[in-house]
N, C-alpha and C. Protein backbone atom coordinates (compact mmCIF):
# COMPACT_ATOMS: atom_id res chain seq x y z
N MET A 1 -7.24 -28.68 -1.88
CA MET A 1 -6.27 -28.43 -2.83
C MET A 1 -7.08 -27.53 -3.99
N THR A 2 -6.14 -26.47 -4.33
CA THR A 2 -6.68 -25.53 -5.35
C THR A 2 -6.13 -25.94 -6.69
N THR A 3 -6.88 -26.02 -7.75
CA THR A 3 -6.36 -26.19 -8.98
C THR A 3 -6.40 -24.71 -9.71
N SER A 4 -5.42 -24.61 -10.67
CA SER A 4 -5.52 -23.27 -11.37
C SER A 4 -5.38 -23.72 -12.82
N THR A 5 -6.11 -22.79 -13.76
CA THR A 5 -5.99 -22.97 -15.06
C THR A 5 -5.46 -21.84 -15.69
N ARG A 6 -4.61 -22.01 -16.87
CA ARG A 6 -4.00 -20.92 -17.83
C ARG A 6 -4.48 -21.11 -19.09
N PHE A 7 -4.50 -20.05 -19.71
CA PHE A 7 -4.96 -19.76 -21.13
C PHE A 7 -3.94 -19.14 -21.84
N ALA A 8 -3.58 -19.52 -23.05
CA ALA A 8 -2.66 -18.73 -24.06
C ALA A 8 -3.54 -17.57 -24.40
N ALA A 9 -2.96 -16.19 -24.28
CA ALA A 9 -3.83 -15.13 -24.64
C ALA A 9 -3.19 -14.21 -25.74
N ALA A 10 -1.85 -14.00 -25.52
CA ALA A 10 -1.29 -13.16 -26.46
C ALA A 10 0.29 -13.39 -26.59
N THR A 11 0.89 -12.86 -27.49
CA THR A 11 2.41 -12.95 -27.40
C THR A 11 2.98 -11.57 -27.03
N VAL A 12 4.23 -11.70 -26.34
CA VAL A 12 5.01 -10.52 -26.14
C VAL A 12 5.06 -9.48 -27.05
N GLN A 13 5.26 -10.01 -28.34
CA GLN A 13 5.34 -9.02 -29.51
C GLN A 13 4.16 -8.20 -29.61
N GLU A 14 2.99 -8.79 -29.58
CA GLU A 14 1.66 -8.14 -29.67
C GLU A 14 1.59 -6.97 -28.73
N LEU A 15 1.90 -7.18 -27.47
CA LEU A 15 2.05 -6.21 -26.38
C LEU A 15 2.93 -5.09 -26.59
N ALA A 16 4.08 -5.66 -27.19
CA ALA A 16 5.13 -4.49 -27.31
C ALA A 16 4.69 -3.41 -28.47
N GLU A 17 3.94 -4.05 -29.47
CA GLU A 17 3.42 -3.15 -30.51
C GLU A 17 2.40 -2.24 -30.11
N LYS A 18 1.43 -2.73 -29.31
CA LYS A 18 0.34 -1.81 -29.15
C LYS A 18 0.01 -1.38 -27.68
N GLY A 19 0.62 -2.22 -26.80
CA GLY A 19 0.60 -1.79 -25.34
C GLY A 19 -0.57 -2.47 -24.66
N ARG A 20 -1.45 -2.88 -25.43
CA ARG A 20 -2.79 -3.71 -24.94
C ARG A 20 -3.34 -4.51 -25.94
N LYS A 21 -4.05 -5.54 -25.52
CA LYS A 21 -4.79 -6.35 -26.37
C LYS A 21 -6.09 -6.87 -25.54
N ILE A 22 -7.18 -6.97 -26.32
CA ILE A 22 -8.46 -7.38 -25.54
C ILE A 22 -8.58 -8.83 -26.23
N VAL A 23 -8.73 -9.97 -25.25
CA VAL A 23 -9.00 -11.24 -25.58
C VAL A 23 -10.15 -11.89 -25.13
N THR A 24 -10.65 -12.95 -25.33
CA THR A 24 -11.90 -13.61 -24.85
C THR A 24 -11.23 -14.78 -24.36
N VAL A 25 -11.38 -15.06 -23.03
CA VAL A 25 -11.08 -16.35 -22.31
C VAL A 25 -12.17 -16.72 -21.29
N LYS A 26 -12.60 -17.96 -21.39
CA LYS A 26 -13.68 -18.38 -20.45
C LYS A 26 -14.93 -17.68 -20.75
N ASN A 27 -15.27 -17.32 -21.98
CA ASN A 27 -16.40 -16.34 -22.21
C ASN A 27 -16.50 -14.94 -21.73
N MET A 28 -15.42 -14.57 -21.35
CA MET A 28 -15.26 -13.25 -20.81
C MET A 28 -14.06 -12.44 -21.48
N GLU A 29 -14.30 -11.09 -21.75
CA GLU A 29 -13.19 -10.21 -22.47
C GLU A 29 -12.40 -9.85 -21.37
N TYR A 30 -11.02 -9.71 -21.56
CA TYR A 30 -10.00 -9.40 -20.62
C TYR A 30 -9.22 -8.51 -21.46
N GLY A 31 -8.54 -7.29 -20.91
CA GLY A 31 -7.70 -6.50 -21.45
C GLY A 31 -6.19 -6.69 -20.87
N ILE A 32 -5.45 -7.05 -21.78
CA ILE A 32 -3.89 -7.18 -21.26
C ILE A 32 -3.16 -6.03 -21.70
N PHE A 33 -2.51 -5.49 -20.54
CA PHE A 33 -1.90 -4.02 -20.69
C PHE A 33 -0.36 -4.26 -20.38
N LEU A 34 0.55 -3.64 -21.13
CA LEU A 34 1.91 -3.68 -20.70
C LEU A 34 2.33 -2.24 -20.06
N VAL A 35 2.68 -2.27 -18.83
CA VAL A 35 2.74 -0.98 -18.03
C VAL A 35 4.04 -1.05 -17.45
N ASN A 36 4.92 -0.28 -17.75
CA ASN A 36 6.35 -0.17 -17.08
C ASN A 36 7.10 -1.49 -17.28
N GLY A 37 6.84 -2.30 -18.46
CA GLY A 37 7.48 -3.59 -18.53
C GLY A 37 7.01 -4.81 -17.85
N ASN A 38 5.78 -4.57 -17.26
CA ASN A 38 4.94 -5.58 -16.53
C ASN A 38 3.80 -5.87 -17.14
N TYR A 39 3.12 -6.99 -17.19
CA TYR A 39 1.82 -7.20 -17.65
C TYR A 39 0.75 -7.53 -16.73
N TYR A 40 -0.44 -6.70 -17.07
CA TYR A 40 -1.66 -6.82 -16.11
C TYR A 40 -2.85 -7.25 -17.01
N ALA A 41 -3.68 -8.02 -16.50
CA ALA A 41 -4.90 -8.35 -17.19
C ALA A 41 -6.11 -7.91 -16.41
N TRP A 42 -7.22 -7.24 -16.87
CA TRP A 42 -8.19 -6.77 -16.34
C TRP A 42 -9.66 -7.11 -17.04
N ARG A 43 -10.51 -7.67 -16.40
CA ARG A 43 -11.90 -7.88 -17.20
C ARG A 43 -12.43 -6.55 -17.76
N ASN A 44 -12.92 -6.79 -18.99
CA ASN A 44 -13.39 -5.51 -19.79
C ASN A 44 -14.63 -5.13 -19.30
N VAL A 45 -14.86 -5.02 -18.08
CA VAL A 45 -16.26 -4.51 -17.57
C VAL A 45 -15.96 -3.40 -16.47
N CYS A 46 -16.44 -2.15 -16.58
CA CYS A 46 -16.37 -1.23 -15.58
C CYS A 46 -17.00 -1.46 -14.44
N PRO A 47 -16.83 -1.39 -13.36
CA PRO A 47 -17.56 -1.54 -12.18
C PRO A 47 -18.78 -0.64 -12.02
N HIS A 48 -18.69 0.55 -12.68
CA HIS A 48 -19.68 1.53 -12.47
C HIS A 48 -20.93 1.16 -13.29
N ALA A 49 -20.77 1.04 -14.44
CA ALA A 49 -21.87 0.79 -15.50
C ALA A 49 -21.67 -0.26 -16.59
N ALA A 50 -20.70 -1.22 -16.27
CA ALA A 50 -20.57 -2.19 -17.23
C ALA A 50 -19.85 -1.90 -18.61
N ALA A 51 -19.27 -0.66 -18.60
CA ALA A 51 -18.82 -0.21 -19.80
C ALA A 51 -17.50 -1.13 -20.32
N PRO A 52 -17.21 -1.14 -21.54
CA PRO A 52 -15.92 -1.77 -21.91
C PRO A 52 -14.73 -1.05 -21.65
N ILE A 53 -14.24 -1.04 -20.21
CA ILE A 53 -13.21 -0.11 -19.68
C ILE A 53 -11.94 -0.55 -20.36
N CYS A 54 -11.58 -1.59 -20.99
CA CYS A 54 -10.30 -1.97 -21.52
C CYS A 54 -10.12 -1.25 -22.82
N GLU A 55 -11.22 -0.61 -23.30
CA GLU A 55 -11.05 0.15 -24.54
C GLU A 55 -10.96 1.43 -24.47
N GLY A 56 -10.87 1.90 -23.20
CA GLY A 56 -10.77 3.36 -22.77
C GLY A 56 -9.22 3.83 -23.03
N THR A 57 -9.06 5.28 -22.88
CA THR A 57 -7.96 5.87 -23.30
C THR A 57 -6.96 5.58 -22.00
N VAL A 58 -5.76 4.99 -22.43
CA VAL A 58 -4.59 4.95 -21.58
C VAL A 58 -3.91 6.17 -21.45
N CYS A 59 -3.73 6.68 -20.21
CA CYS A 59 -3.02 7.92 -20.02
C CYS A 59 -2.35 8.19 -18.85
N GLY A 60 -2.25 9.34 -18.30
CA GLY A 60 -1.80 9.52 -16.91
C GLY A 60 -2.88 10.26 -16.16
N THR A 61 -2.46 10.89 -15.02
CA THR A 61 -3.50 11.80 -14.28
C THR A 61 -2.87 12.90 -13.55
N ARG A 62 -3.67 13.67 -12.96
CA ARG A 62 -2.98 14.85 -12.06
C ARG A 62 -2.69 14.23 -10.79
N LEU A 63 -1.36 14.72 -10.38
CA LEU A 63 -0.91 14.27 -9.05
C LEU A 63 -1.20 15.20 -8.10
N PRO A 64 -1.17 14.84 -6.96
CA PRO A 64 -1.41 15.89 -5.71
C PRO A 64 -0.59 16.97 -5.86
N SER A 65 -0.99 18.11 -5.86
CA SER A 65 -0.25 19.29 -5.72
C SER A 65 -0.83 20.39 -4.98
N LEU A 66 0.03 21.56 -4.92
CA LEU A 66 -0.46 22.73 -4.29
C LEU A 66 -1.73 23.46 -5.14
N VAL A 67 -2.44 24.19 -4.42
CA VAL A 67 -3.66 24.83 -5.11
C VAL A 67 -3.14 25.82 -6.35
N TYR A 68 -3.72 25.58 -7.35
CA TYR A 68 -3.44 26.39 -8.78
C TYR A 68 -2.15 25.75 -9.39
N GLU A 69 -1.64 24.67 -8.95
CA GLU A 69 -0.68 24.04 -9.63
C GLU A 69 -0.97 22.54 -9.98
N TYR A 70 -0.86 22.19 -11.40
CA TYR A 70 -1.43 21.08 -11.80
C TYR A 70 -0.29 20.31 -12.39
N GLU A 71 0.02 19.20 -11.77
CA GLU A 71 1.27 18.34 -12.17
C GLU A 71 0.62 16.97 -12.63
N TYR A 72 1.17 16.85 -13.78
CA TYR A 72 0.70 15.62 -14.64
C TYR A 72 1.76 14.56 -14.33
N GLY A 73 1.21 13.23 -14.21
CA GLY A 73 2.26 12.17 -13.87
C GLY A 73 1.53 10.82 -14.24
N ARG A 74 2.29 9.60 -13.91
CA ARG A 74 1.70 8.36 -14.09
C ARG A 74 1.47 8.15 -15.65
N ASP A 75 2.21 8.56 -16.42
CA ASP A 75 1.82 8.54 -17.82
C ASP A 75 1.73 7.08 -18.20
N GLN A 76 0.63 6.59 -18.86
CA GLN A 76 0.50 5.15 -19.47
C GLN A 76 0.28 4.29 -18.39
N GLU A 77 -0.10 4.69 -17.29
CA GLU A 77 -0.62 3.91 -16.19
C GLU A 77 -2.12 3.90 -15.61
N ILE A 78 -2.82 4.75 -16.39
CA ILE A 78 -4.03 4.97 -15.96
C ILE A 78 -5.07 4.59 -17.40
N VAL A 79 -6.17 3.85 -16.99
CA VAL A 79 -7.17 3.61 -17.90
C VAL A 79 -8.54 4.46 -17.83
N ARG A 80 -8.94 5.14 -18.62
CA ARG A 80 -10.21 6.05 -18.34
C ARG A 80 -11.36 5.43 -19.10
N CYS A 81 -12.36 5.01 -18.44
CA CYS A 81 -13.66 4.58 -19.05
C CYS A 81 -14.24 5.34 -20.21
N PRO A 82 -14.43 4.59 -21.15
CA PRO A 82 -15.03 5.28 -22.50
C PRO A 82 -16.24 6.02 -22.21
N TRP A 83 -17.14 5.49 -21.26
CA TRP A 83 -18.55 6.05 -21.13
C TRP A 83 -18.48 7.08 -20.16
N HIS A 84 -17.78 7.08 -19.08
CA HIS A 84 -18.25 8.15 -18.06
C HIS A 84 -16.92 8.77 -17.27
N GLY A 85 -15.77 8.25 -17.89
CA GLY A 85 -14.35 8.77 -17.57
C GLY A 85 -14.02 8.38 -16.06
N TRP A 86 -14.48 7.33 -15.49
CA TRP A 86 -13.88 6.90 -14.36
C TRP A 86 -12.46 6.57 -14.61
N GLU A 87 -11.49 6.59 -13.77
CA GLU A 87 -10.13 6.57 -14.00
C GLU A 87 -9.66 5.27 -13.01
N PHE A 88 -8.98 4.30 -13.72
CA PHE A 88 -8.41 3.15 -12.80
C PHE A 88 -7.02 3.09 -13.17
N ASP A 89 -6.27 2.58 -11.94
CA ASP A 89 -4.84 2.41 -11.98
C ASP A 89 -4.57 0.99 -12.66
N LEU A 90 -3.99 1.06 -13.66
CA LEU A 90 -3.63 -0.20 -14.39
C LEU A 90 -2.64 -1.20 -13.89
N ILE A 91 -1.99 -0.81 -12.84
CA ILE A 91 -1.23 -1.75 -12.01
C ILE A 91 -1.94 -2.30 -10.97
N THR A 92 -2.78 -1.60 -10.10
CA THR A 92 -3.50 -2.24 -8.94
C THR A 92 -5.00 -2.53 -9.30
N GLY A 93 -5.55 -1.79 -10.38
CA GLY A 93 -6.96 -2.06 -10.58
C GLY A 93 -7.82 -0.98 -9.78
N GLN A 94 -7.27 -0.40 -8.86
CA GLN A 94 -8.09 0.70 -7.88
C GLN A 94 -8.63 1.81 -8.72
N HIS A 95 -9.81 2.35 -8.49
CA HIS A 95 -10.28 3.59 -8.99
C HIS A 95 -9.46 4.59 -8.24
N LEU A 96 -9.34 5.68 -8.88
CA LEU A 96 -8.30 6.84 -8.45
C LEU A 96 -9.06 7.46 -7.47
N VAL A 97 -10.31 7.52 -7.16
CA VAL A 97 -10.93 8.39 -6.23
C VAL A 97 -11.47 7.51 -5.12
N ASN A 98 -12.19 6.44 -5.38
CA ASN A 98 -12.96 5.52 -4.35
C ASN A 98 -12.07 4.43 -4.17
N GLY A 99 -11.69 4.26 -3.02
CA GLY A 99 -10.79 3.02 -2.98
C GLY A 99 -11.55 1.68 -2.78
N SER A 100 -12.77 1.71 -2.73
CA SER A 100 -13.59 0.57 -2.47
C SER A 100 -13.88 -0.03 -3.84
N VAL A 101 -13.57 0.69 -4.84
CA VAL A 101 -13.92 0.19 -6.32
C VAL A 101 -12.85 -0.21 -6.93
N LYS A 102 -12.70 -1.36 -7.66
CA LYS A 102 -11.71 -1.92 -8.08
C LYS A 102 -12.09 -2.80 -9.41
N LEU A 103 -11.35 -2.86 -10.40
CA LEU A 103 -11.28 -3.65 -11.57
C LEU A 103 -11.01 -5.09 -10.99
N ARG A 104 -11.74 -6.09 -11.86
CA ARG A 104 -11.34 -7.45 -11.43
C ARG A 104 -10.21 -8.04 -12.55
N GLY A 105 -9.31 -8.76 -11.86
CA GLY A 105 -8.32 -9.11 -13.00
C GLY A 105 -7.79 -10.58 -12.70
N CYS A 106 -6.79 -10.77 -13.46
CA CYS A 106 -6.29 -11.97 -13.15
C CYS A 106 -4.67 -12.04 -13.58
N LYS A 107 -3.95 -13.17 -13.15
CA LYS A 107 -2.60 -12.87 -13.18
C LYS A 107 -1.92 -13.26 -14.56
N VAL A 108 -0.99 -12.51 -15.20
CA VAL A 108 -0.51 -12.86 -16.47
C VAL A 108 0.97 -13.45 -16.26
N GLU A 109 1.10 -14.56 -16.78
CA GLU A 109 2.37 -15.30 -16.80
C GLU A 109 3.12 -15.27 -18.13
N VAL A 110 4.36 -15.10 -18.25
CA VAL A 110 5.19 -14.97 -19.27
C VAL A 110 5.95 -16.26 -19.50
N GLU A 111 5.81 -16.98 -20.54
CA GLU A 111 6.60 -18.04 -20.85
C GLU A 111 7.32 -18.12 -22.28
N GLY A 112 8.63 -17.62 -22.34
CA GLY A 112 9.00 -17.56 -23.89
C GLY A 112 8.55 -16.32 -24.30
N ASP A 113 7.80 -16.34 -25.49
CA ASP A 113 7.20 -15.19 -26.14
C ASP A 113 5.61 -15.32 -25.94
N GLN A 114 5.27 -16.15 -25.15
CA GLN A 114 3.85 -16.45 -25.01
C GLN A 114 3.21 -15.84 -23.64
N LEU A 115 2.15 -15.09 -23.63
CA LEU A 115 1.46 -14.46 -22.33
C LEU A 115 0.49 -15.39 -22.20
N TYR A 116 0.16 -15.84 -20.78
CA TYR A 116 -0.97 -16.72 -20.41
C TYR A 116 -1.65 -15.88 -19.37
N LEU A 117 -3.05 -16.22 -19.49
CA LEU A 117 -3.77 -15.62 -18.26
C LEU A 117 -3.92 -16.77 -17.45
N GLN A 118 -3.72 -16.45 -16.00
CA GLN A 118 -3.80 -17.51 -14.98
C GLN A 118 -4.99 -17.35 -13.98
N PHE A 119 -5.78 -18.28 -13.97
CA PHE A 119 -7.02 -18.38 -13.12
C PHE A 119 -6.85 -19.25 -11.90
N ALA A 120 -6.98 -19.04 -10.72
CA ALA A 120 -6.97 -19.78 -9.54
C ALA A 120 -8.10 -20.66 -9.59
């Protein structure tokens, strides 16, 4: 039997205002992000060099396109590491170039105006 634990971490209003919030739960920092109306939580540790990834710029990225064409997209769905520029998908946690590298995260539950981090 698996037990899970959840922790109150933020309010819907806090995320609506700023788009993200960094919280400490279980002695670990997590960044909670509002992306396209959904909530995602990632540990604030870049897998490359342990940088505070959740403090990085939230942006978009260049989409696959023809040579000499540069198409920008996925605005506000990408976080860029503040130390070395590694980019991660805020929805999946995947590194944009190396599919074997991924952020660690946890589930976000919404109950009323409260956001909870859910740990299995």
